[in-house]
Amino acid sequence: MCGRFALATAPEDLRQLVDFSNRINFPPRYNIAPTQPVSIIRAVPGREMALVQWGLIAPWLKPEQLGDKSVRPQINARAETITEKPSFKNAFRRRRCLIPSDGFYEWDRKLGQPYRIYRADERPFFMAAIWEIWNGADGSEIESCAIITTAANDRLSPIHHRMPAMITPAQAEDWLSTPEAEAEKLLPLLGAAPEDYFTATPISKRVNKVAEDDADLWAAHIEKAPPKQMDLF
């Protein structure tokens, strides 16, 4: 899965890779977490960058279910079942988007070691995603999104078995603008990234806390296991 990521590249720099028409500013973020606003690029028509909630809300949920902890917004959508799951299939056909990022975080669960995963050339990349609109009876709206994940490549699978699916700038037009009836032709784009696309650096467990959000999170740091207690008996 992908449960945290970062975006420090300015919108104007992202525009050089995937064009969008509106002007928008946001501060660098180094520890973006579920339920927070995230930047997406979408076709509406035209192409724009917008802020939406990370965690897709199914459009049929009733207002009283939004606060129900048992009904959690979906932060990830599996590429293998995205055309089947009721929560995702309509958005995949009609409301695809890109989520720009400078790196995402995964944890080696056996060691408790977090890793920053980023492009070897330090350039931003674009994660495949879908977005949805929830309409309340009072006219309120909530726009939300989910990152599409796929099986991790061999290089990253020792850390985690899933990774975000990537859309290159050259694929962006097809991903954003392919008609609904032809959406399934896009499924081959949702495979794992090439083996040399990403590198992984161990970082501090500070990233575990949502409130920790600064550039120092990217510094390499290997967490040491606590010493075992001496057995006196």
C-alpha atoms as a PDB file:
ATOM      1  CA  MET A   1       0.000   0.000   0.000  1.00  0.00           C
ATOM      2  CA  CYS A   2       0.986   3.652   0.005  1.00  0.00           C
ATOM      3  CA  GLY A   3       0.147   5.368   3.290  1.00  0.00           C
ATOM      4  CA  ARG A   4       2.425   8.423   3.323  1.00  0.00           C
ATOM      5  CA  PHE A   5       4.186  10.501   0.695  1.00  0.00           C
ATOM      6  CA  ALA A   6       5.835  13.866   0.090  1.00  0.00           C
ATOM      7  CA  LEU A   7       5.565  16.704  -2.408  1.00  0.00           C
ATOM      8  CA  ALA A   8       8.049  19.559  -2.227  1.00  0.00           C
ATOM      9  CA  THR A   9       8.320  20.433  -5.940  1.00  0.00           C
ATOM     10  CA  ALA A  10       6.561  23.716  -6.756  1.00  0.00           C
ATOM     11  CA  PRO A  11       3.489  23.665  -9.047  1.00  0.00           C
ATOM     12  CA  GLU A  12       5.277  25.755 -11.682  1.00  0.00           C
ATOM     13  CA  ASP A  13       8.002  23.121 -11.907  1.00  0.00           C
ATOM     14  CA  LEU A  14       5.451  20.318 -12.144  1.00  0.00           C
ATOM     15  CA  ARG A  15       3.771  22.216 -14.995  1.00  0.00           C
ATOM     16  CA  GLN A  16       6.916  21.708 -17.070  1.00  0.00           C
ATOM     17  CA  LEU A  17       6.309  17.952 -16.909  1.00  0.00           C
ATOM     18  CA  VAL A  18       2.493  17.720 -17.086  1.00  0.00           C
ATOM     19  CA  ASP A  19       0.698  20.872 -18.153  1.00  0.00           C
ATOM     20  CA  PHE A  20      -2.353  22.289 -16.359  1.00  0.00           C
ATOM     21  CA  SER A  21      -4.075  25.626 -16.885  1.00  0.00           C
ATOM     22  CA  ASN A  22      -4.772  27.061 -13.435  1.00  0.00           C
ATOM     23  CA  ARG A  23      -2.391  28.835 -11.075  1.00  0.00           C
ATOM     24  CA  ILE A  24      -2.165  27.280  -7.640  1.00  0.00           C
ATOM     25  CA  ASN A  25       0.305  27.502  -4.778  1.00  0.00           C
ATOM     26  CA  PHE A  26       0.952  25.152  -1.890  1.00  0.00           C
ATOM     27  CA  PRO A  27       3.776  24.821   0.636  1.00  0.00           C
ATOM     28  CA  PRO A  28       6.243  21.919   0.523  1.00  0.00           C
ATOM     29  CA  ARG A  29       4.928  18.864   2.364  1.00  0.00           C
ATOM     30  CA  TYR A  30       7.215  16.112   3.604  1.00  0.00           C
ATOM     31  CA  ASN A  31       4.749  13.832   5.397  1.00  0.00           C
ATOM     32  CA  ILE A  32       1.349  13.819   3.712  1.00  0.00           C
ATOM     33  CA  ALA A  33      -1.079  11.496   5.485  1.00  0.00           C
ATOM     34  CA  PRO A  34      -4.537  10.039   4.777  1.00  0.00           C
ATOM     35  CA  THR A  35      -7.552  12.397   5.147  1.00  0.00           C
ATOM     36  CA  GLN A  36      -5.333  15.424   4.423  1.00  0.00           C
ATOM     37  CA  PRO A  37      -5.705  17.549   1.264  1.00  0.00           C
ATOM     38  CA  VAL A  38      -3.512  16.386  -1.606  1.00  0.00           C
ATOM     39  CA  SER A  39      -2.737  17.888  -5.004  1.00  0.00           C
ATOM     40  CA  ILE A  40      -4.132  16.109  -8.051  1.00  0.00           C
ATOM     41  CA  ILE A  41      -3.998  16.868 -11.771  1.00  0.00           C
ATOM     42  CA  ARG A  42      -7.217  16.060 -13.606  1.00  0.00           C
ATOM     43  CA  ALA A  43      -9.196  16.736 -16.783  1.00  0.00           C
ATOM     44  CA  VAL A  44     -12.520  18.444 -15.963  1.00  0.00           C
ATOM     45  CA  PRO A  45     -12.616  19.304 -19.096  1.00  0.00           C
ATOM     46  CA  GLY A  46      -9.405  21.143 -19.605  1.00  0.00           C
ATOM     47  CA  ARG A  47      -6.652  20.270 -17.218  1.00  0.00           C
ATOM     48  CA  GLU A  48      -6.294  21.623 -13.692  1.00  0.00           C
ATOM     49  CA  MET A  49      -4.494  21.050 -10.425  1.00  0.00           C
ATOM     50  CA  ALA A  50      -6.842  20.798  -7.445  1.00  0.00           C
ATOM     51  CA  LEU A  51      -6.757  19.960  -3.753  1.00  0.00           C
ATOM     52  CA  VAL A  52      -8.935  17.016  -2.676  1.00  0.00           C
ATOM     53  CA  GLN A  53      -9.117  14.759   0.367  1.00  0.00           C
ATOM     54  CA  TRP A  54      -6.854  11.707   0.336  1.00  0.00           C
ATOM     55  CA  GLY A  55      -9.189   8.818   1.052  1.00  0.00           C
ATOM     56  CA  LEU A  56     -11.898   8.081  -1.494  1.00  0.00           C
ATOM     57  CA  ILE A  57     -15.475   8.407  -0.238  1.00  0.00           C
ATOM     58  CA  ALA A  58     -17.997   6.256  -2.103  1.00  0.00           C
ATOM     59  CA  PRO A  59     -20.743   8.498  -3.552  1.00  0.00           C
ATOM     60  CA  TRP A  60     -23.560   6.350  -2.140  1.00  0.00           C
ATOM     61  CA  LEU A  61     -22.543   6.712   1.523  1.00  0.00           C
ATOM     62  CA  LYS A  62     -25.125   8.367   3.747  1.00  0.00           C
ATOM     63  CA  PRO A  63     -24.114  11.504   5.716  1.00  0.00           C
ATOM     64  CA  GLU A  64     -24.220   9.654   9.042  1.00  0.00           C
ATOM     65  CA  GLN A  65     -21.723   7.094   7.692  1.00  0.00           C
ATOM     66  CA  LEU A  66     -19.023   9.693   7.057  1.00  0.00           C
ATOM     67  CA  GLY A  67     -18.173   9.817  10.756  1.00  0.00           C
ATOM     68  CA  ASP A  68     -18.420   6.060  11.241  1.00  0.00           C
ATOM     69  CA  LYS A  69     -14.956   4.672  11.990  1.00  0.00           C
ATOM     70  CA  SER A  70     -15.968   1.322  10.523  1.00  0.00           C
ATOM     71  CA  VAL A  71     -16.496   2.977   7.113  1.00  0.00           C
ATOM     72  CA  ARG A  72     -13.031   4.266   6.322  1.00  0.00           C
ATOM     73  CA  PRO A  73     -12.227   6.280   3.200  1.00  0.00           C
ATOM     74  CA  GLN A  74     -10.116   4.176   0.826  1.00  0.00           C
ATOM     75  CA  ILE A  75      -6.616   5.614   0.385  1.00  0.00           C
ATOM     76  CA  ASN A  76      -5.515   2.909  -2.099  1.00  0.00           C
ATOM     77  CA  ALA A  77      -7.193   1.072  -4.966  1.00  0.00           C
ATOM     78  CA  ARG A  78      -5.677  -2.176  -6.251  1.00  0.00           C
ATOM     79  CA  ALA A  79      -4.947  -2.105  -9.997  1.00  0.00           C
ATOM     80  CA  GLU A  80      -5.850  -5.793 -10.289  1.00  0.00           C
ATOM     81  CA  THR A  81      -9.479  -5.245  -9.193  1.00  0.00           C
ATOM     82  CA  ILE A  82     -10.116  -1.607 -10.052  1.00  0.00           C
ATOM     83  CA  THR A  83     -12.583  -2.478 -12.817  1.00  0.00           C
ATOM     84  CA  GLU A  84     -14.582  -4.719 -10.437  1.00  0.00           C
ATOM     85  CA  LYS A  85     -14.812  -3.004  -7.036  1.00  0.00           C
ATOM     86  CA  PRO A  86     -18.001  -0.907  -6.742  1.00  0.00           C
ATOM     87  CA  SER A  87     -16.156   1.862  -4.899  1.00  0.00           C
ATOM     88  CA  PHE A  88     -13.603   2.286  -7.686  1.00  0.00           C
ATOM     89  CA  LYS A  89     -14.854   1.106 -11.079  1.00  0.00           C
ATOM     90  CA  ASN A  90     -16.895   4.184 -12.010  1.00  0.00           C
ATOM     91  CA  ALA A  91     -14.111   6.551 -10.955  1.00  0.00           C
ATOM     92  CA  PHE A  92     -11.608   4.542 -12.994  1.00  0.00           C
ATOM     93  CA  ARG A  93     -13.772   4.915 -16.084  1.00  0.00           C
ATOM     94  CA  ARG A  94     -14.689   8.572 -15.613  1.00  0.00           C
ATOM     95  CA  ARG A  95     -12.444  10.344 -13.093  1.00  0.00           C
ATOM     96  CA  ARG A  96      -8.790   9.403 -13.398  1.00  0.00           C
ATOM     97  CA  CYS A  97      -6.112  11.763 -12.114  1.00  0.00           C
ATOM     98  CA  LEU A  98      -2.415  12.067 -11.299  1.00  0.00           C
ATOM     99  CA  ILE A  99      -0.903  12.674  -7.876  1.00  0.00           C
ATOM    100  CA  PRO A 100       2.537  14.305  -8.112  1.00  0.00           C
ATOM    101  CA  SER A 101       5.133  13.265  -5.558  1.00  0.00           C
ATOM    102  CA  ASP A 102       8.824  13.524  -4.698  1.00  0.00           C
ATOM    103  CA  GLY A 103       8.825  10.291  -2.714  1.00  0.00           C
ATOM    104  CA  PHE A 104       6.672   7.896  -0.739  1.00  0.00           C
ATOM    105  CA  TYR A 105       7.306   6.011   2.499  1.00  0.00           C
ATOM    106  CA  GLU A 106       7.132   2.326   3.307  1.00  0.00           C
ATOM    107  CA  TRP A 107       8.043   0.351   6.426  1.00  0.00           C
ATOM    108  CA  ASP A 108       9.947  -2.882   6.834  1.00  0.00           C
ATOM    109  CA  ARG A 109       7.526  -4.365   9.351  1.00  0.00           C
ATOM    110  CA  LYS A 110       9.987  -6.925  10.706  1.00  0.00           C
ATOM    111  CA  LEU A 111      12.545  -4.282  11.641  1.00  0.00           C
ATOM    112  CA  GLY A 112      10.251  -1.278  12.094  1.00  0.00           C
ATOM    113  CA  GLN A 113      12.537   0.599   9.705  1.00  0.00           C
ATOM    114  CA  PRO A 114      10.894   3.296   7.548  1.00  0.00           C
ATOM    115  CA  TYR A 115      12.223   4.011   4.063  1.00  0.00           C
ATOM    116  CA  ARG A 116      11.957   6.967   1.760  1.00  0.00           C
ATOM    117  CA  ILE A 117      11.426   5.699  -1.794  1.00  0.00           C
ATOM    118  CA  TYR A 118      12.261   8.169  -4.543  1.00  0.00           C
ATOM    119  CA  ARG A 119      13.617   8.461  -8.057  1.00  0.00           C
ATOM    120  CA  ALA A 120      17.353   7.958  -8.331  1.00  0.00           C
ATOM    121  CA  ASP A 121      17.616  11.262 -10.245  1.00  0.00           C
ATOM    122  CA  GLU A 122      15.614  13.065  -7.500  1.00  0.00           C
ATOM    123  CA  ARG A 123      12.968  14.232  -9.997  1.00  0.00           C
ATOM    124  CA  PRO A 124       9.244  14.243  -9.170  1.00  0.00           C
ATOM    125  CA  PHE A 125       6.953  11.505 -10.477  1.00  0.00           C
ATOM    126  CA  PHE A 126       3.229  10.979 -10.950  1.00  0.00           C
ATOM    127  CA  MET A 127       1.193   8.296  -9.217  1.00  0.00           C
ATOM    128  CA  ALA A 128      -1.884   6.914 -10.960  1.00  0.00           C
ATOM    129  CA  ALA A 129      -5.035   7.799  -9.032  1.00  0.00           C
ATOM    130  CA  ILE A 130      -8.802   8.165  -9.220  1.00  0.00           C
ATOM    131  CA  TRP A 131     -11.070  10.815  -7.723  1.00  0.00           C
ATOM    132  CA  GLU A 132     -14.724  10.937  -6.749  1.00  0.00           C
ATOM    133  CA  ILE A 133     -17.410  13.409  -5.667  1.00  0.00           C
ATOM    134  CA  TRP A 134     -19.703  12.855  -2.683  1.00  0.00           C
ATOM    135  CA  ASN A 135     -22.838  15.024  -2.720  1.00  0.00           C
ATOM    136  CA  GLY A 136     -24.761  15.771   0.455  1.00  0.00           C
ATOM    137  CA  ALA A 137     -28.519  16.389   0.541  1.00  0.00           C
ATOM    138  CA  ASP A 138     -27.790  19.956   1.678  1.00  0.00           C
ATOM    139  CA  GLY A 139     -25.787  20.679  -1.469  1.00  0.00           C
ATOM    140  CA  SER A 140     -22.390  20.114   0.155  1.00  0.00           C
ATOM    141  CA  GLU A 141     -19.660  18.318  -1.779  1.00  0.00           C
ATOM    142  CA  ILE A 142     -16.544  16.375  -0.817  1.00  0.00           C
ATOM    143  CA  GLU A 143     -13.968  15.583  -3.485  1.00  0.00           C
ATOM    144  CA  SER A 144     -11.666  12.718  -2.595  1.00  0.00           C
ATOM    145  CA  CYS A 145      -9.099  10.444  -4.204  1.00  0.00           C
ATOM    146  CA  ALA A 146      -7.263   7.123  -3.938  1.00  0.00           C
ATOM    147  CA  ILE A 147      -3.809   6.099  -5.165  1.00  0.00           C
ATOM    148  CA  ILE A 148      -3.755   3.057  -7.448  1.00  0.00           C
ATOM    149  CA  THR A 149      -1.305   0.391  -6.285  1.00  0.00           C
ATOM    150  CA  THR A 150       0.230  -2.612  -7.978  1.00  0.00           C
ATOM    151  CA  ALA A 151       2.620  -5.442  -7.087  1.00  0.00           C
ATOM    152  CA  ALA A 152       6.051  -4.098  -6.121  1.00  0.00           C
ATOM    153  CA  ASN A 153       9.015  -4.717  -8.371  1.00  0.00           C
ATOM    154  CA  ASP A 154      11.860  -6.968  -7.225  1.00  0.00           C
ATOM    155  CA  ARG A 155      13.909  -4.074  -5.909  1.00  0.00           C
ATOM    156  CA  LEU A 156      11.207  -2.800  -3.548  1.00  0.00           C
ATOM    157  CA  SER A 157       9.389  -6.007  -2.654  1.00  0.00           C
ATOM    158  CA  PRO A 158      11.749  -6.828   0.280  1.00  0.00           C
ATOM    159  CA  ILE A 159      10.402  -3.668   1.940  1.00  0.00           C
ATOM    160  CA  HIS A 160       6.746  -3.967   0.922  1.00  0.00           C
ATOM    161  CA  HIS A 161       4.828  -6.138  -1.542  1.00  0.00           C
ATOM    162  CA  ARG A 162       2.827  -3.219  -3.010  1.00  0.00           C
ATOM    163  CA  MET A 163       3.797   0.091  -4.623  1.00  0.00           C
ATOM    164  CA  PRO A 164       1.977   2.963  -6.353  1.00  0.00           C
ATOM    165  CA  ALA A 165       1.428   2.577 -10.088  1.00  0.00           C
ATOM    166  CA  MET A 166       3.291   5.261 -12.046  1.00  0.00           C
ATOM    167  CA  ILE A 167       2.160   7.319 -15.033  1.00  0.00           C
ATOM    168  CA  THR A 168       4.950   8.976 -17.016  1.00  0.00           C
ATOM    169  CA  PRO A 169       4.495  12.481 -18.467  1.00  0.00           C
ATOM    170  CA  ALA A 170       4.323  10.889 -21.929  1.00  0.00           C
ATOM    171  CA  GLN A 171       1.374   8.727 -20.755  1.00  0.00           C
ATOM    172  CA  ALA A 172      -0.455  11.546 -18.958  1.00  0.00           C
ATOM    173  CA  GLU A 173      -2.678  12.607 -21.851  1.00  0.00           C
ATOM    174  CA  ASP A 174      -3.960   9.060 -22.399  1.00  0.00           C
ATOM    175  CA  TRP A 175      -4.458   8.511 -18.652  1.00  0.00           C
ATOM    176  CA  LEU A 176      -6.419  11.713 -18.136  1.00  0.00           C
ATOM    177  CA  SER A 177      -8.394  11.928 -21.368  1.00  0.00           C
ATOM    178  CA  THR A 178      -9.180   8.411 -22.623  1.00  0.00           C
ATOM    179  CA  PRO A 179     -12.975   8.095 -23.042  1.00  0.00           C
ATOM    180  CA  GLU A 180     -14.990   6.093 -20.522  1.00  0.00           C
ATOM    181  CA  ALA A 181     -15.782   3.308 -22.993  1.00  0.00           C
ATOM    182  CA  GLU A 182     -12.056   2.725 -23.647  1.00  0.00           C
ATOM    183  CA  ALA A 183     -10.796   2.958 -20.056  1.00  0.00           C
ATOM    184  CA  GLU A 184      -9.806  -0.705 -19.802  1.00  0.00           C
ATOM    185  CA  LYS A 185      -7.185  -0.110 -22.500  1.00  0.00           C
ATOM    186  CA  LEU A 186      -5.276   1.789 -19.789  1.00  0.00           C
ATOM    187  CA  LEU A 187      -4.813  -1.209 -17.505  1.00  0.00           C
ATOM    188  CA  PRO A 188      -1.407  -2.155 -19.012  1.00  0.00           C
ATOM    189  CA  LEU A 189      -0.088   1.198 -17.726  1.00  0.00           C
ATOM    190  CA  LEU A 190      -0.618   0.057 -14.131  1.00  0.00           C
ATOM    191  CA  GLY A 191       2.272  -2.369 -13.793  1.00  0.00           C
ATOM    192  CA  ALA A 192       5.290  -2.046 -11.499  1.00  0.00           C
ATOM    193  CA  ALA A 193       7.923   0.599 -12.206  1.00  0.00           C
ATOM    194  CA  PRO A 194      11.190  -0.546 -13.834  1.00  0.00           C
ATOM    195  CA  GLU A 195      13.762  -1.956 -11.418  1.00  0.00           C
ATOM    196  CA  ASP A 196      16.088   1.054 -11.741  1.00  0.00           C
ATOM    197  CA  TYR A 197      13.336   3.679 -11.412  1.00  0.00           C
ATOM    198  CA  PHE A 198      13.412   4.027  -7.618  1.00  0.00           C
ATOM    199  CA  THR A 199      15.927   3.916  -4.833  1.00  0.00           C
ATOM    200  CA  ALA A 200      15.160   3.404  -1.131  1.00  0.00           C
ATOM    201  CA  THR A 201      16.878   5.125   1.789  1.00  0.00           C
ATOM    202  CA  PRO A 202      16.308   4.224   5.462  1.00  0.00           C
ATOM    203  CA  ILE A 203      15.074   7.228   7.461  1.00  0.00           C
ATOM    204  CA  SER A 204      14.104   8.133  11.013  1.00  0.00           C
ATOM    205  CA  LYS A 205      10.996   6.847  12.747  1.00  0.00           C
ATOM    206  CA  ARG A 206      10.019  10.494  13.147  1.00  0.00           C
ATOM    207  CA  VAL A 207       8.057   9.972   9.941  1.00  0.00           C
ATOM    208  CA  ASN A 208       5.663   7.761  11.926  1.00  0.00           C
ATOM    209  CA  LYS A 209       4.185  10.901  13.504  1.00  0.00           C
ATOM    210  CA  VAL A 210       1.942  12.938  11.218  1.00  0.00           C
ATOM    211  CA  ALA A 211       2.971  16.162  12.959  1.00  0.00           C
ATOM    212  CA  GLU A 212       6.586  15.669  11.835  1.00  0.00           C
ATOM    213  CA  ASP A 213       6.695  17.446   8.476  1.00  0.00           C
ATOM    214  CA  ASP A 214      10.087  18.888   7.522  1.00  0.00           C
ATOM    215  CA  ALA A 215      12.884  18.314   5.031  1.00  0.00           C
ATOM    216  CA  ASP A 216      15.065  16.607   7.645  1.00  0.00           C
ATOM    217  CA  LEU A 217      12.800  13.556   7.361  1.00  0.00           C
ATOM    218  CA  TRP A 218      14.676  12.730   4.163  1.00  0.00           C
ATOM    219  CA  ALA A 219      18.005  12.339   5.934  1.00  0.00           C
ATOM    220  CA  ALA A 220      19.363   8.798   5.929  1.00  0.00           C
ATOM    221  CA  HIS A 221      18.976   7.153   9.324  1.00  0.00           C
ATOM    222  CA  ILE A 222      19.145   3.495  10.316  1.00  0.00           C
ATOM    223  CA  GLU A 223      17.019   2.630  13.337  1.00  0.00           C
ATOM    224  CA  LYS A 224      18.763   0.340  15.787  1.00  0.00           C
ATOM    225  CA  ALA A 225      16.815  -2.371  17.549  1.00  0.00           C
ATOM    226  CA  PRO A 226      16.521  -1.827  21.325  1.00  0.00           C
ATOM    227  CA  PRO A 227      18.855  -4.015  23.402  1.00  0.00           C
ATOM    228  CA  LYS A 228      17.340  -7.232  24.647  1.00  0.00           C
ATOM    229  CA  GLN A 229      16.666  -7.388  28.356  1.00  0.00           C
ATOM    230  CA  MET A 230      18.946  -9.710  30.268  1.00  0.00           C
ATOM    231  CA  ASP A 231      17.279 -12.918  31.320  1.00  0.00           C
ATOM    232  CA  LEU A 232      17.966 -13.296  35.064  1.00  0.00           C
ATOM    233  CA  PHE A 233      16.419 -16.728  35.421  1.00  0.00           C
END
